[in-house]
Amino acid sequence: QVQLVESGGGLVQPGGSLRLSCTASRNILTIYDMGWYRQVPGEERELVARIWSNGLTTIADSVKGRFTISRDNAKNTVYLQMNGLKPEDTAVYYCGADVQENGRHGLSTYWGQGTQVTVSS
């Protein structure tokens, strides 16, 4: 299993930037994939970005060109750099991870507590 802790959320003006961090309790190279998701009350969860253990990434069309996902393997941390923030980016951002459990088929998914990002003037 793995524990995930997010940080870096806050209140920013439109056009501003934030960097979110997700720190895992284990070597992130042993995690199949990690990602950032966001959710607004009354709306479906949205995938923002994912990064696999081999370094490949996926970025949602809604944030492409503004957000980037990266990692620091030594710190077991995945980052989401958010630039050019818009009011519609306001949401709770969650870090998720898929791991292969010993003695079990398939993957198990784990989530952090989430961090609030508010973009408002």
N, C-alpha and C. Protein backbone atom coordinates (compact mmCIF):
# COMPACT_ATOMS: atom_id res chain seq x y z
N GLN A 1 0.83 -1.18 0.00
CA GLN A 1 0.00 0.00 0.00
C GLN A 1 0.88 1.25 0.00
N VAL A 2 0.22 2.40 -0.06
CA VAL A 2 0.95 3.66 -0.09
C VAL A 2 0.09 4.75 0.52
N GLN A 3 0.74 5.66 1.24
CA GLN A 3 0.07 6.85 1.74
C GLN A 3 0.52 8.05 0.91
N LEU A 4 -0.42 8.95 0.62
CA LEU A 4 -0.16 10.09 -0.23
C LEU A 4 -0.53 11.37 0.52
N VAL A 5 0.33 12.37 0.45
CA VAL A 5 0.08 13.64 1.11
C VAL A 5 0.25 14.76 0.09
N GLU A 6 -0.82 15.53 -0.12
CA GLU A 6 -0.78 16.65 -1.05
C GLU A 6 -0.53 17.96 -0.30
N SER A 7 0.07 18.91 -1.00
CA SER A 7 0.26 20.24 -0.46
C SER A 7 0.41 21.22 -1.62
N GLY A 8 0.33 22.51 -1.30
CA GLY A 8 0.58 23.54 -2.29
C GLY A 8 -0.64 24.30 -2.77
N GLY A 9 -1.83 23.89 -2.36
CA GLY A 9 -3.02 24.60 -2.77
C GLY A 9 -3.11 25.97 -2.12
N GLY A 10 -4.06 26.76 -2.62
CA GLY A 10 -4.25 28.08 -2.06
C GLY A 10 -5.13 28.94 -2.93
N LEU A 11 -5.17 30.22 -2.60
CA LEU A 11 -5.97 31.21 -3.32
C LEU A 11 -5.04 32.07 -4.18
N VAL A 12 -5.34 32.13 -5.47
CA VAL A 12 -4.54 32.92 -6.40
C VAL A 12 -5.46 33.68 -7.34
N GLN A 13 -4.93 34.74 -7.94
CA GLN A 13 -5.67 35.51 -8.92
C GLN A 13 -5.57 34.86 -10.30
N PRO A 14 -6.54 35.13 -11.17
CA PRO A 14 -6.44 34.62 -12.54
C PRO A 14 -5.11 35.01 -13.17
N GLY A 15 -4.52 34.06 -13.88
CA GLY A 15 -3.21 34.27 -14.49
C GLY A 15 -2.06 33.90 -13.60
N GLY A 16 -2.33 33.60 -12.35
CA GLY A 16 -1.29 33.24 -11.41
C GLY A 16 -0.85 31.80 -11.55
N SER A 17 0.08 31.40 -10.69
CA SER A 17 0.66 30.06 -10.73
C SER A 17 0.68 29.43 -9.35
N LEU A 18 0.60 28.11 -9.33
CA LEU A 18 0.77 27.32 -8.13
C LEU A 18 1.49 26.03 -8.50
N ARG A 19 2.20 25.47 -7.54
CA ARG A 19 2.79 24.16 -7.71
C ARG A 19 2.29 23.25 -6.60
N LEU A 20 1.60 22.18 -7.00
CA LEU A 20 1.12 21.19 -6.06
C LEU A 20 2.14 20.06 -5.93
N SER A 21 2.24 19.52 -4.73
CA SER A 21 3.14 18.41 -4.45
C SER A 21 2.37 17.23 -3.90
N CYS A 22 2.77 16.05 -4.30
CA CYS A 22 2.22 14.80 -3.76
C CYS A 22 3.38 13.92 -3.37
N THR A 23 3.52 13.68 -2.08
CA THR A 23 4.61 12.87 -1.57
C THR A 23 4.09 11.50 -1.16
N ALA A 24 4.72 10.46 -1.67
CA ALA A 24 4.32 9.09 -1.39
C ALA A 24 5.19 8.48 -0.30
N SER A 25 4.65 7.49 0.38
CA SER A 25 5.35 6.84 1.49
C SER A 25 6.28 5.73 1.04
N ARG A 26 6.45 5.56 -0.24
CA ARG A 26 7.33 4.54 -0.77
C ARG A 26 7.99 5.05 -2.03
N ASN A 27 8.97 4.31 -2.50
CA ASN A 27 9.67 4.63 -3.73
C ASN A 27 8.66 4.74 -4.87
N ILE A 28 8.57 5.92 -5.49
CA ILE A 28 7.55 6.10 -6.52
C ILE A 28 7.86 5.31 -7.78
N LEU A 29 9.07 4.83 -7.93
CA LEU A 29 9.39 3.98 -9.07
C LEU A 29 8.76 2.60 -8.93
N THR A 30 8.28 2.25 -7.73
CA THR A 30 7.56 1.00 -7.52
C THR A 30 6.06 1.17 -7.70
N ILE A 31 5.60 2.39 -7.99
CA ILE A 31 4.20 2.68 -8.20
C ILE A 31 3.91 2.68 -9.69
N TYR A 32 2.86 1.98 -10.09
CA TYR A 32 2.58 1.82 -11.51
C TYR A 32 2.34 3.17 -12.18
N ASP A 33 1.47 3.97 -11.58
CA ASP A 33 1.25 5.32 -12.07
C ASP A 33 0.74 6.20 -10.95
N MET A 34 0.98 7.50 -11.08
CA MET A 34 0.46 8.50 -10.16
C MET A 34 -0.16 9.61 -10.99
N GLY A 35 -1.16 10.25 -10.41
CA GLY A 35 -1.83 11.29 -11.17
C GLY A 35 -2.50 12.32 -10.30
N TRP A 36 -2.90 13.40 -10.96
CA TRP A 36 -3.67 14.47 -10.35
C TRP A 36 -5.06 14.50 -10.94
N TYR A 37 -6.06 14.61 -10.06
CA TYR A 37 -7.45 14.69 -10.44
C TYR A 37 -8.07 15.88 -9.71
N ARG A 38 -9.14 16.42 -10.27
CA ARG A 38 -9.81 17.53 -9.60
C ARG A 38 -11.32 17.34 -9.66
N GLN A 39 -12.00 17.92 -8.68
CA GLN A 39 -13.43 17.77 -8.60
C GLN A 39 -14.07 19.03 -8.04
N VAL A 40 -15.14 19.48 -8.69
CA VAL A 40 -15.95 20.60 -8.26
C VAL A 40 -17.27 20.02 -7.74
N PRO A 41 -17.83 20.56 -6.66
CA PRO A 41 -19.11 20.05 -6.17
C PRO A 41 -20.16 19.99 -7.27
N GLY A 42 -20.84 18.85 -7.37
CA GLY A 42 -21.87 18.67 -8.37
C GLY A 42 -21.38 18.24 -9.73
N GLU A 43 -20.07 18.09 -9.90
CA GLU A 43 -19.51 17.71 -11.18
C GLU A 43 -18.71 16.42 -11.03
N GLU A 44 -18.44 15.77 -12.16
CA GLU A 44 -17.66 14.55 -12.16
C GLU A 44 -16.19 14.83 -11.92
N ARG A 45 -15.52 13.84 -11.35
CA ARG A 45 -14.08 13.93 -11.19
C ARG A 45 -13.41 14.00 -12.56
N GLU A 46 -12.40 14.83 -12.66
CA GLU A 46 -11.70 15.04 -13.92
C GLU A 46 -10.23 14.68 -13.78
N LEU A 47 -9.74 13.87 -14.69
CA LEU A 47 -8.32 13.60 -14.75
C LEU A 47 -7.59 14.84 -15.26
N VAL A 48 -6.57 15.26 -14.55
CA VAL A 48 -5.76 16.40 -14.94
C VAL A 48 -4.48 15.95 -15.62
N ALA A 49 -3.75 15.06 -14.97
CA ALA A 49 -2.48 14.58 -15.51
C ALA A 49 -2.09 13.29 -14.82
N ARG A 50 -1.34 12.45 -15.54
CA ARG A 50 -0.81 11.21 -14.98
C ARG A 50 0.62 11.03 -15.43
N ILE A 51 1.39 10.35 -14.59
CA ILE A 51 2.76 9.99 -14.94
C ILE A 51 2.98 8.55 -14.53
N TRP A 52 3.52 7.74 -15.45
CA TRP A 52 3.79 6.34 -15.20
C TRP A 52 5.21 6.16 -14.69
N SER A 53 5.47 4.97 -14.15
CA SER A 53 6.79 4.70 -13.57
C SER A 53 7.90 4.84 -14.60
N ASN A 54 7.58 4.62 -15.88
CA ASN A 54 8.59 4.77 -16.92
C ASN A 54 8.76 6.21 -17.39
N GLY A 55 8.01 7.14 -16.80
CA GLY A 55 8.16 8.54 -17.11
C GLY A 55 7.19 9.10 -18.13
N LEU A 56 6.41 8.25 -18.79
CA LEU A 56 5.43 8.74 -19.75
C LEU A 56 4.33 9.51 -19.03
N THR A 57 3.78 10.52 -19.69
CA THR A 57 2.78 11.38 -19.07
C THR A 57 1.56 11.56 -19.97
N THR A 58 0.46 11.91 -19.33
CA THR A 58 -0.77 12.28 -20.00
C THR A 58 -1.26 13.59 -19.41
N ILE A 59 -1.68 14.52 -20.26
CA ILE A 59 -2.20 15.81 -19.83
C ILE A 59 -3.59 15.99 -20.42
N ALA A 60 -4.54 16.41 -19.60
CA ALA A 60 -5.89 16.64 -20.08
C ALA A 60 -5.92 17.82 -21.04
N ASP A 61 -6.79 17.73 -22.05
CA ASP A 61 -6.91 18.81 -23.02
C ASP A 61 -7.26 20.15 -22.37
N SER A 62 -8.03 20.11 -21.29
CA SER A 62 -8.49 21.33 -20.66
C SER A 62 -7.36 22.13 -20.01
N VAL A 63 -6.24 21.48 -19.74
CA VAL A 63 -5.12 22.16 -19.09
C VAL A 63 -3.84 22.10 -19.90
N LYS A 64 -3.87 21.46 -21.05
CA LYS A 64 -2.68 21.31 -21.88
C LYS A 64 -2.14 22.69 -22.26
N GLY A 65 -0.83 22.84 -22.14
CA GLY A 65 -0.19 24.11 -22.41
C GLY A 65 -0.08 25.01 -21.21
N ARG A 66 -0.79 24.69 -20.14
CA ARG A 66 -0.74 25.48 -18.92
C ARG A 66 -0.20 24.70 -17.74
N PHE A 67 -0.54 23.41 -17.66
CA PHE A 67 -0.11 22.56 -16.54
C PHE A 67 0.93 21.56 -17.02
N THR A 68 1.84 21.20 -16.14
CA THR A 68 2.80 20.15 -16.40
C THR A 68 2.93 19.25 -15.17
N ILE A 69 3.14 17.96 -15.40
CA ILE A 69 3.38 17.02 -14.32
C ILE A 69 4.84 16.58 -14.38
N SER A 70 5.45 16.45 -13.23
CA SER A 70 6.84 16.04 -13.15
C SER A 70 7.06 15.30 -11.84
N ARG A 71 8.27 14.80 -11.64
CA ARG A 71 8.55 14.04 -10.43
C ARG A 71 9.99 14.22 -10.00
N ASP A 72 10.21 13.99 -8.70
CA ASP A 72 11.54 13.92 -8.12
C ASP A 72 11.62 12.56 -7.45
N ASN A 73 12.28 11.62 -8.09
CA ASN A 73 12.31 10.25 -7.59
C ASN A 73 12.99 10.16 -6.22
N ALA A 74 14.01 10.96 -6.00
CA ALA A 74 14.73 10.93 -4.73
C ALA A 74 13.85 11.37 -3.57
N LYS A 75 12.88 12.23 -3.85
CA LYS A 75 11.99 12.74 -2.82
C LYS A 75 10.65 12.01 -2.80
N ASN A 76 10.47 11.03 -3.67
CA ASN A 76 9.20 10.30 -3.78
C ASN A 76 8.03 11.27 -3.97
N THR A 77 8.24 12.28 -4.78
CA THR A 77 7.27 13.35 -4.93
C THR A 77 6.93 13.59 -6.39
N VAL A 78 5.64 13.77 -6.65
CA VAL A 78 5.13 14.17 -7.95
C VAL A 78 4.58 15.58 -7.83
N TYR A 79 4.85 16.39 -8.84
CA TYR A 79 4.44 17.78 -8.83
C TYR A 79 3.44 18.06 -9.95
N LEU A 80 2.59 19.04 -9.72
CA LEU A 80 1.75 19.60 -10.76
C LEU A 80 1.99 21.10 -10.79
N GLN A 81 2.69 21.56 -11.82
CA GLN A 81 2.93 22.98 -12.00
C GLN A 81 1.77 23.57 -12.78
N MET A 82 1.10 24.54 -12.20
CA MET A 82 -0.08 25.15 -12.80
C MET A 82 0.21 26.61 -13.09
N ASN A 83 0.23 26.95 -14.36
CA ASN A 83 0.45 28.32 -14.81
C ASN A 83 -0.79 28.82 -15.54
N GLY A 84 -0.90 30.12 -15.66
CA GLY A 84 -2.03 30.71 -16.35
C GLY A 84 -3.36 30.25 -15.79
N LEU A 85 -3.48 30.24 -14.47
CA LEU A 85 -4.68 29.72 -13.83
C LEU A 85 -5.91 30.54 -14.18
N LYS A 86 -7.02 29.83 -14.34
CA LYS A 86 -8.31 30.42 -14.68
C LYS A 86 -9.32 30.10 -13.58
N PRO A 87 -10.37 30.91 -13.45
CA PRO A 87 -11.39 30.61 -12.44
C PRO A 87 -11.96 29.20 -12.56
N GLU A 88 -12.08 28.68 -13.77
CA GLU A 88 -12.61 27.34 -13.96
C GLU A 88 -11.67 26.24 -13.48
N ASP A 89 -10.44 26.59 -13.11
CA ASP A 89 -9.53 25.63 -12.51
C ASP A 89 -9.81 25.42 -11.02
N THR A 90 -10.68 26.24 -10.45
CA THR A 90 -11.01 26.11 -9.04
C THR A 90 -11.61 24.74 -8.76
N ALA A 91 -11.03 24.02 -7.81
CA ALA A 91 -11.47 22.67 -7.48
C ALA A 91 -10.64 22.15 -6.32
N VAL A 92 -11.05 21.00 -5.80
CA VAL A 92 -10.19 20.24 -4.92
C VAL A 92 -9.35 19.31 -5.78
N TYR A 93 -8.06 19.36 -5.61
CA TYR A 93 -7.14 18.55 -6.39
C TYR A 93 -6.67 17.37 -5.55
N TYR A 94 -6.79 16.18 -6.11
CA TYR A 94 -6.44 14.95 -5.43
C TYR A 94 -5.29 14.24 -6.14
N CYS A 95 -4.40 13.71 -5.36
CA CYS A 95 -3.35 12.85 -5.87
C CYS A 95 -3.81 11.40 -5.76
N GLY A 96 -3.62 10.63 -6.81
CA GLY A 96 -3.96 9.22 -6.81
C GLY A 96 -2.78 8.38 -7.27
N ALA A 97 -2.77 7.12 -6.83
CA ALA A 97 -1.69 6.21 -7.20
C ALA A 97 -2.23 4.81 -7.38
N ASP A 98 -1.74 4.12 -8.39
CA ASP A 98 -2.07 2.72 -8.64
C ASP A 98 -0.84 1.89 -8.34
N VAL A 99 -1.02 0.84 -7.52
CA VAL A 99 0.09 -0.01 -7.13
C VAL A 99 -0.25 -1.47 -7.32
N GLN A 100 0.78 -2.27 -7.59
CA GLN A 100 0.64 -3.71 -7.67
C GLN A 100 0.89 -4.28 -6.28
N GLU A 101 -0.11 -4.94 -5.70
CA GLU A 101 0.02 -5.50 -4.37
C GLU A 101 0.59 -6.91 -4.45
N ASN A 102 1.46 -7.25 -3.51
CA ASN A 102 2.00 -8.60 -3.44
C ASN A 102 0.88 -9.59 -3.16
N GLY A 103 0.90 -10.70 -3.90
CA GLY A 103 -0.08 -11.75 -3.69
C GLY A 103 -1.47 -11.43 -4.19
N ARG A 104 -1.58 -10.40 -5.05
CA ARG A 104 -2.89 -10.00 -5.55
C ARG A 104 -2.79 -9.66 -7.03
N HIS A 105 -3.83 -10.02 -7.78
CA HIS A 105 -3.89 -9.69 -9.19
C HIS A 105 -4.33 -8.24 -9.38
N GLY A 106 -3.86 -7.63 -10.43
CA GLY A 106 -4.29 -6.29 -10.77
C GLY A 106 -3.69 -5.21 -9.89
N LEU A 107 -4.30 -4.03 -9.96
CA LEU A 107 -3.81 -2.85 -9.26
C LEU A 107 -4.79 -2.40 -8.18
N SER A 108 -4.25 -1.77 -7.15
CA SER A 108 -5.05 -1.12 -6.12
C SER A 108 -4.82 0.38 -6.20
N THR A 109 -5.89 1.16 -6.00
CA THR A 109 -5.83 2.61 -6.11
C THR A 109 -5.89 3.27 -4.74
N TYR A 110 -5.04 4.26 -4.53
CA TYR A 110 -4.98 5.00 -3.28
C TYR A 110 -5.10 6.49 -3.57
N TRP A 111 -5.67 7.22 -2.61
CA TRP A 111 -5.91 8.64 -2.78
C TRP A 111 -5.38 9.44 -1.60
N GLY A 112 -4.93 10.65 -1.88
CA GLY A 112 -4.61 11.59 -0.82
C GLY A 112 -5.85 12.31 -0.33
N GLN A 113 -5.67 13.20 0.63
CA GLN A 113 -6.79 13.92 1.23
C GLN A 113 -7.31 15.06 0.35
N GLY A 114 -6.50 15.53 -0.56
CA GLY A 114 -6.90 16.62 -1.43
C GLY A 114 -6.41 17.96 -0.94
N THR A 115 -6.25 18.90 -1.86
CA THR A 115 -5.85 20.26 -1.53
C THR A 115 -6.68 21.23 -2.37
N GLN A 116 -7.18 22.28 -1.73
CA GLN A 116 -8.07 23.23 -2.39
C GLN A 116 -7.28 24.23 -3.21
N VAL A 117 -7.70 24.41 -4.45
CA VAL A 117 -7.17 25.46 -5.31
C VAL A 117 -8.32 26.38 -5.68
N THR A 118 -8.17 27.66 -5.37
CA THR A 118 -9.20 28.65 -5.68
C THR A 118 -8.58 29.76 -6.51
N VAL A 119 -9.16 30.02 -7.67
CA VAL A 119 -8.69 31.06 -8.58
C VAL A 119 -9.78 32.11 -8.67
N SER A 120 -9.52 33.28 -8.13
CA SER A 120 -10.54 34.32 -8.05
C SER A 120 -9.89 35.69 -7.95
N SER A 121 -10.55 36.67 -8.55
CA SER A 121 -10.12 38.05 -8.45
C SER A 121 -10.92 38.81 -7.40
